[in-house]
Protein backbone atom coordinates (compact mmCIF):
# COMPACT_ATOMS: atom_id res chain seq x y z
CA UNK A 1 22.02 -4.01 -54.49
CA UNK A 2 22.98 -7.52 -55.57
CA UNK A 3 21.20 -10.31 -53.73
CA UNK A 4 23.50 -12.64 -51.77
CA UNK A 5 24.29 -15.79 -53.70
CA UNK A 6 22.79 -19.05 -52.52
CA UNK A 7 24.94 -22.17 -52.29
CA UNK A 8 24.10 -25.88 -52.19
CA UNK A 9 24.83 -26.04 -48.46
CA UNK A 10 22.40 -23.22 -47.59
CA UNK A 11 19.20 -24.51 -46.03
CA UNK A 12 16.15 -23.08 -44.26
CA UNK A 13 15.02 -25.29 -41.41
CA UNK A 14 11.29 -26.10 -41.55
CA UNK A 15 9.32 -24.01 -39.05
CA UNK A 16 7.49 -27.03 -37.65
CA UNK A 17 7.26 -28.45 -34.14
CA UNK A 18 9.41 -31.45 -34.98
CA UNK A 19 12.47 -29.26 -35.60
CA UNK A 20 11.77 -26.69 -32.88
CA UNK A 21 14.89 -27.33 -30.78
CA UNK A 22 17.22 -28.79 -33.39
CA UNK A 23 20.03 -27.12 -35.28
CA UNK A 24 19.44 -26.27 -38.94
CA UNK A 25 22.39 -28.47 -39.90
CA UNK A 26 20.59 -31.52 -38.56
CA UNK A 27 17.57 -30.69 -40.72
CA UNK A 28 19.72 -30.04 -43.79
CA UNK A 29 21.71 -33.24 -43.37
CA UNK A 30 18.49 -35.23 -43.02
CA UNK A 31 16.59 -33.78 -45.97
CA UNK A 32 19.56 -33.73 -48.36
CA UNK A 33 19.58 -37.54 -48.26
CA UNK A 34 16.35 -37.39 -50.30
CA UNK A 35 15.25 -35.69 -53.53
CA UNK A 36 13.96 -32.12 -52.93
CA UNK A 37 10.45 -33.10 -54.02
CA UNK A 38 10.32 -35.56 -51.10
CA UNK A 39 10.62 -32.88 -48.40
CA UNK A 40 6.88 -32.21 -48.03
CA UNK A 41 6.11 -35.93 -47.75
CA UNK A 42 8.85 -36.35 -45.16
CA UNK A 43 7.60 -33.39 -43.12
CA UNK A 44 4.14 -35.00 -42.98
CA UNK A 45 5.76 -38.29 -41.94
CA UNK A 46 7.62 -36.55 -39.10
CA UNK A 47 4.67 -34.48 -37.85
CA UNK A 48 3.15 -37.24 -35.61
CA UNK A 49 6.53 -37.56 -33.87
CA UNK A 50 6.62 -33.91 -32.80
CA UNK A 51 5.61 -34.62 -29.19
CA UNK A 52 8.60 -36.89 -28.61
CA UNK A 53 11.64 -35.64 -26.74
CA UNK A 54 14.53 -34.22 -28.73
CA UNK A 55 16.62 -37.37 -28.27
CA UNK A 56 13.72 -39.60 -29.29
CA UNK A 57 13.23 -37.52 -32.43
CA UNK A 58 16.93 -37.77 -33.25
CA UNK A 59 16.75 -41.55 -32.88
CA UNK A 60 13.70 -41.56 -35.15
CA UNK A 61 15.70 -39.70 -37.79
CA UNK A 62 18.44 -42.33 -37.56
CA UNK A 63 15.85 -45.10 -37.99
CA UNK A 64 14.34 -43.41 -41.05
CA UNK A 65 17.74 -42.82 -42.63
CA UNK A 66 18.95 -46.34 -41.94
CA UNK A 67 15.79 -47.77 -43.50
CA UNK A 68 16.45 -45.84 -46.72
CA UNK A 69 20.22 -46.45 -46.81
CA UNK A 70 21.21 -48.00 -50.17
CA UNK A 71 22.43 -51.55 -49.55
CA UNK A 72 26.17 -52.13 -49.72
CA UNK A 73 27.92 -55.44 -49.16
CA UNK A 74 31.02 -55.51 -47.00
CA UNK A 75 33.97 -56.70 -49.03
CA UNK A 76 35.60 -58.18 -45.93
CA UNK A 77 35.03 -58.19 -42.20
CA UNK A 78 37.06 -56.92 -39.27
CA UNK A 79 39.10 -53.75 -39.59
CA UNK A 80 38.70 -53.51 -43.36
CA UNK A 81 35.51 -51.51 -43.90
CA UNK A 82 35.86 -51.10 -47.65
CA UNK A 83 32.49 -51.61 -49.31
CA UNK A 84 31.54 -52.78 -52.76
CA UNK A 85 31.51 -49.95 -55.34
CA UNK A 86 28.28 -48.17 -56.22
CA UNK A 87 27.24 -46.25 -59.28
CA UNK A 88 27.96 -42.52 -58.95
CA UNK A 89 24.35 -41.44 -58.28
CA UNK A 90 23.78 -44.14 -55.69
CA UNK A 91 27.15 -43.38 -54.09
CA UNK A 92 26.09 -39.78 -53.48
CA UNK A 93 22.78 -40.86 -51.91
CA UNK A 94 24.61 -43.38 -49.72
CA UNK A 95 27.15 -40.79 -48.56
CA UNK A 96 24.50 -38.17 -47.79
CA UNK A 97 22.44 -40.71 -45.87
CA UNK A 98 25.48 -41.73 -43.83
CA UNK A 99 26.17 -38.04 -43.14
CA UNK A 100 22.64 -37.62 -41.79
CA UNK A 101 23.08 -40.65 -39.52
CA UNK A 102 26.44 -39.41 -38.23
CA UNK A 103 25.02 -35.94 -37.58
CA UNK A 104 22.15 -37.32 -35.49
CA UNK A 105 24.57 -39.57 -33.60
CA UNK A 106 26.73 -36.55 -32.86
CA UNK A 107 23.81 -34.50 -31.51
CA UNK A 108 22.88 -37.48 -29.32
CA UNK A 109 26.38 -37.38 -27.84
CA UNK A 110 27.28 -40.72 -29.42
CA UNK A 111 30.77 -39.57 -30.35
CA UNK A 112 32.28 -43.01 -30.97
CA UNK A 113 29.37 -44.09 -33.16
CA UNK A 114 29.43 -40.83 -35.11
CA UNK A 115 33.16 -41.16 -35.68
CA UNK A 116 32.80 -44.73 -36.91
CA UNK A 117 29.98 -43.79 -39.30
CA UNK A 118 32.06 -40.92 -40.66
CA UNK A 119 35.14 -43.11 -41.06
CA UNK A 120 33.09 -45.54 -43.13
CA UNK A 121 32.12 -42.61 -45.36
CA UNK A 122 35.75 -41.50 -45.53
CA UNK A 123 37.02 -44.89 -46.67
CA UNK A 124 34.25 -45.42 -49.23
CA UNK A 125 34.17 -42.36 -51.43
CA UNK A 126 33.45 -42.11 -55.16
CA UNK A 127 35.37 -44.45 -57.45
CA UNK A 128 36.99 -46.22 -54.54
CA UNK A 129 38.72 -43.04 -53.35
CA UNK A 130 38.62 -41.30 -49.99
CA UNK A 131 35.62 -39.08 -49.34
CA UNK A 132 37.34 -35.82 -48.42
CA UNK A 133 34.08 -34.19 -47.37
CA UNK A 134 33.90 -36.85 -44.64
CA UNK A 135 37.53 -36.15 -43.76
CA UNK A 136 36.62 -32.46 -43.43
CA UNK A 137 34.11 -33.40 -40.73
CA UNK A 138 36.53 -35.77 -39.02
CA UNK A 139 39.29 -33.15 -38.86
CA UNK A 140 37.47 -30.91 -36.42
CA UNK A 141 35.94 -33.89 -34.59
CA UNK A 142 39.47 -35.20 -33.94
CA UNK A 143 40.51 -31.75 -32.70
CA UNK A 144 37.52 -31.73 -30.33
CA UNK A 145 38.63 -35.09 -28.98
CA UNK A 146 42.22 -33.97 -28.44
CA UNK A 147 43.70 -36.06 -31.26
CA UNK A 148 45.65 -33.13 -32.63
CA UNK A 149 48.19 -34.91 -34.86
CA UNK A 150 45.45 -36.75 -36.74
CA UNK A 151 43.30 -33.61 -36.90
CA UNK A 152 46.16 -31.58 -38.35
CA UNK A 153 47.04 -34.13 -41.03
CA UNK A 154 43.40 -34.32 -42.10
CA UNK A 155 42.93 -30.54 -42.05
CA UNK A 156 46.04 -29.86 -44.14
CA UNK A 157 44.93 -32.30 -46.83
CA UNK A 158 41.38 -30.93 -46.84
CA UNK A 159 42.57 -27.32 -46.95
CA UNK A 160 44.69 -28.03 -50.04
CA UNK A 161 41.79 -29.91 -51.65
CA UNK A 162 39.37 -27.06 -50.96
CA UNK A 163 41.79 -24.40 -52.19
CA UNK A 164 41.60 -25.97 -55.65
CA UNK A 165 37.95 -27.02 -55.59
CA UNK A 166 35.79 -25.32 -58.23
CA UNK A 167 32.94 -24.75 -55.74
CA UNK A 168 35.15 -23.61 -52.86
CA UNK A 169 38.57 -21.92 -52.86
CA UNK A 170 40.84 -20.43 -50.17
CA UNK A 171 38.20 -17.95 -48.93
CA UNK A 172 35.32 -20.43 -48.75
CA UNK A 173 33.66 -21.21 -45.40
CA UNK A 174 34.80 -24.81 -45.73
CA UNK A 175 38.46 -23.79 -46.13
CA UNK A 176 38.18 -21.35 -43.20
CA UNK A 177 36.88 -24.21 -41.06
CA UNK A 178 40.13 -26.07 -41.71
CA UNK A 179 42.19 -23.00 -40.83
CA UNK A 180 40.43 -22.86 -37.46
CA UNK A 181 41.38 -26.50 -36.88
CA UNK A 182 44.98 -25.75 -37.86
CA UNK A 183 45.15 -22.80 -35.47
CA UNK A 184 43.87 -24.98 -32.66
CA UNK A 185 46.16 -27.93 -33.34
CA UNK A 186 49.27 -25.75 -33.48
CA UNK A 187 48.32 -23.81 -30.34
CA UNK A 188 47.41 -26.84 -28.26
CA UNK A 189 50.59 -28.71 -29.21
CA UNK A 190 52.81 -25.84 -28.10
CA UNK A 191 53.71 -24.47 -31.55
CA UNK A 192 52.72 -20.92 -30.74
CA UNK A 193 54.66 -19.24 -33.55
CA UNK A 194 53.02 -21.46 -36.16
CA UNK A 195 49.63 -20.84 -34.55
CA UNK A 196 50.15 -17.06 -34.78
CA UNK A 197 51.13 -17.36 -38.45
CA UNK A 198 47.99 -19.37 -39.12
CA UNK A 199 45.85 -16.83 -37.24
CA UNK A 200 47.25 -14.03 -39.41
CA UNK A 201 46.56 -16.00 -42.59
CA UNK A 202 43.04 -16.91 -41.52
CA UNK A 203 42.26 -13.26 -40.75
CA UNK A 204 43.54 -12.29 -44.21
CA UNK A 205 41.22 -14.84 -45.78
CA UNK A 206 38.22 -13.48 -43.85
CA UNK A 207 38.99 -10.00 -45.25
CA UNK A 208 39.24 -11.45 -48.77
CA UNK A 209 36.00 -13.31 -48.23
CA UNK A 210 34.15 -9.99 -47.85
CA UNK A 211 34.82 -9.15 -51.49
CA UNK A 212 34.24 -12.64 -52.82
CA UNK A 213 31.16 -14.62 -53.79
CA UNK A 214 31.17 -15.90 -50.19
CA UNK A 215 30.83 -12.37 -48.80
CA UNK A 216 27.59 -13.07 -46.93
CA UNK A 217 29.48 -15.45 -44.64
CA UNK A 218 32.37 -13.11 -43.83
CA UNK A 219 30.97 -11.53 -40.67
CA UNK A 220 29.99 -14.85 -39.13
CA UNK A 221 33.26 -16.51 -40.14
CA UNK A 222 35.24 -13.63 -38.65
CA UNK A 223 33.31 -13.87 -35.39
CA UNK A 224 33.82 -17.64 -35.18
CA UNK A 225 37.55 -17.28 -35.84
CA UNK A 226 37.90 -14.69 -33.08
CA UNK A 227 35.92 -16.94 -30.72
CA UNK A 228 38.39 -19.76 -31.39
CA UNK A 229 41.34 -17.43 -30.79
CA UNK A 230 39.76 -15.98 -27.66
CA UNK A 231 39.10 -19.46 -26.31
CA UNK A 232 42.72 -20.47 -26.84
CA UNK A 233 44.02 -17.30 -25.21
CA UNK A 234 41.62 -17.72 -22.30
CA UNK A 235 42.75 -21.31 -21.86
CA UNK A 236 46.35 -20.14 -21.45
CA UNK A 237 45.32 -17.54 -18.86
CA UNK A 238 43.52 -19.99 -16.57
């Protein structure tokens, strides 16, 4: 039997006391801001903080990430948050570090701060372009906050981007995440027929996922899709 393929976003959370009550995505988004060979050193650095509360540990992660954030000079002040360009390698480190900060802010319930951090990532992608991976995160955050028009616009653009991405495609987990946003935005804005069409398409993609390189995610993705649909149906029945 063929072993399931591993992907860059797969990550095993360290089985240490520091991470005991944190989601694996928080651990991944922290460690991916550093070279893989740094993980052991970082785990030793975090070990003395294990007795702190969860929120204190999350704040410690933010402090560590901010201290290692590559310096970028603001081009202007005020509403324009465009930053000076970085070399490609440094840009990736900067973006991953900002992702780690935004993730910790989100788990702390600092929704406004997390959104602002992610918007800075969005507006300062490689080569002066938008960072669509940041937009992917913002799409479902905007849906969570009831900003459905903005969420839908972001999700449509990200879905099309992912459909043609060499590491993703229509049946990738990342593309399915955008379909779930699109189902929710249509349903909650009263466009039931469009929502049903999107549900049917998303279910088709889950079936196709089973026979694709992303097959190991199919069961979980199918369950999450049905949870979203069930939640929307339950909301209407209240």
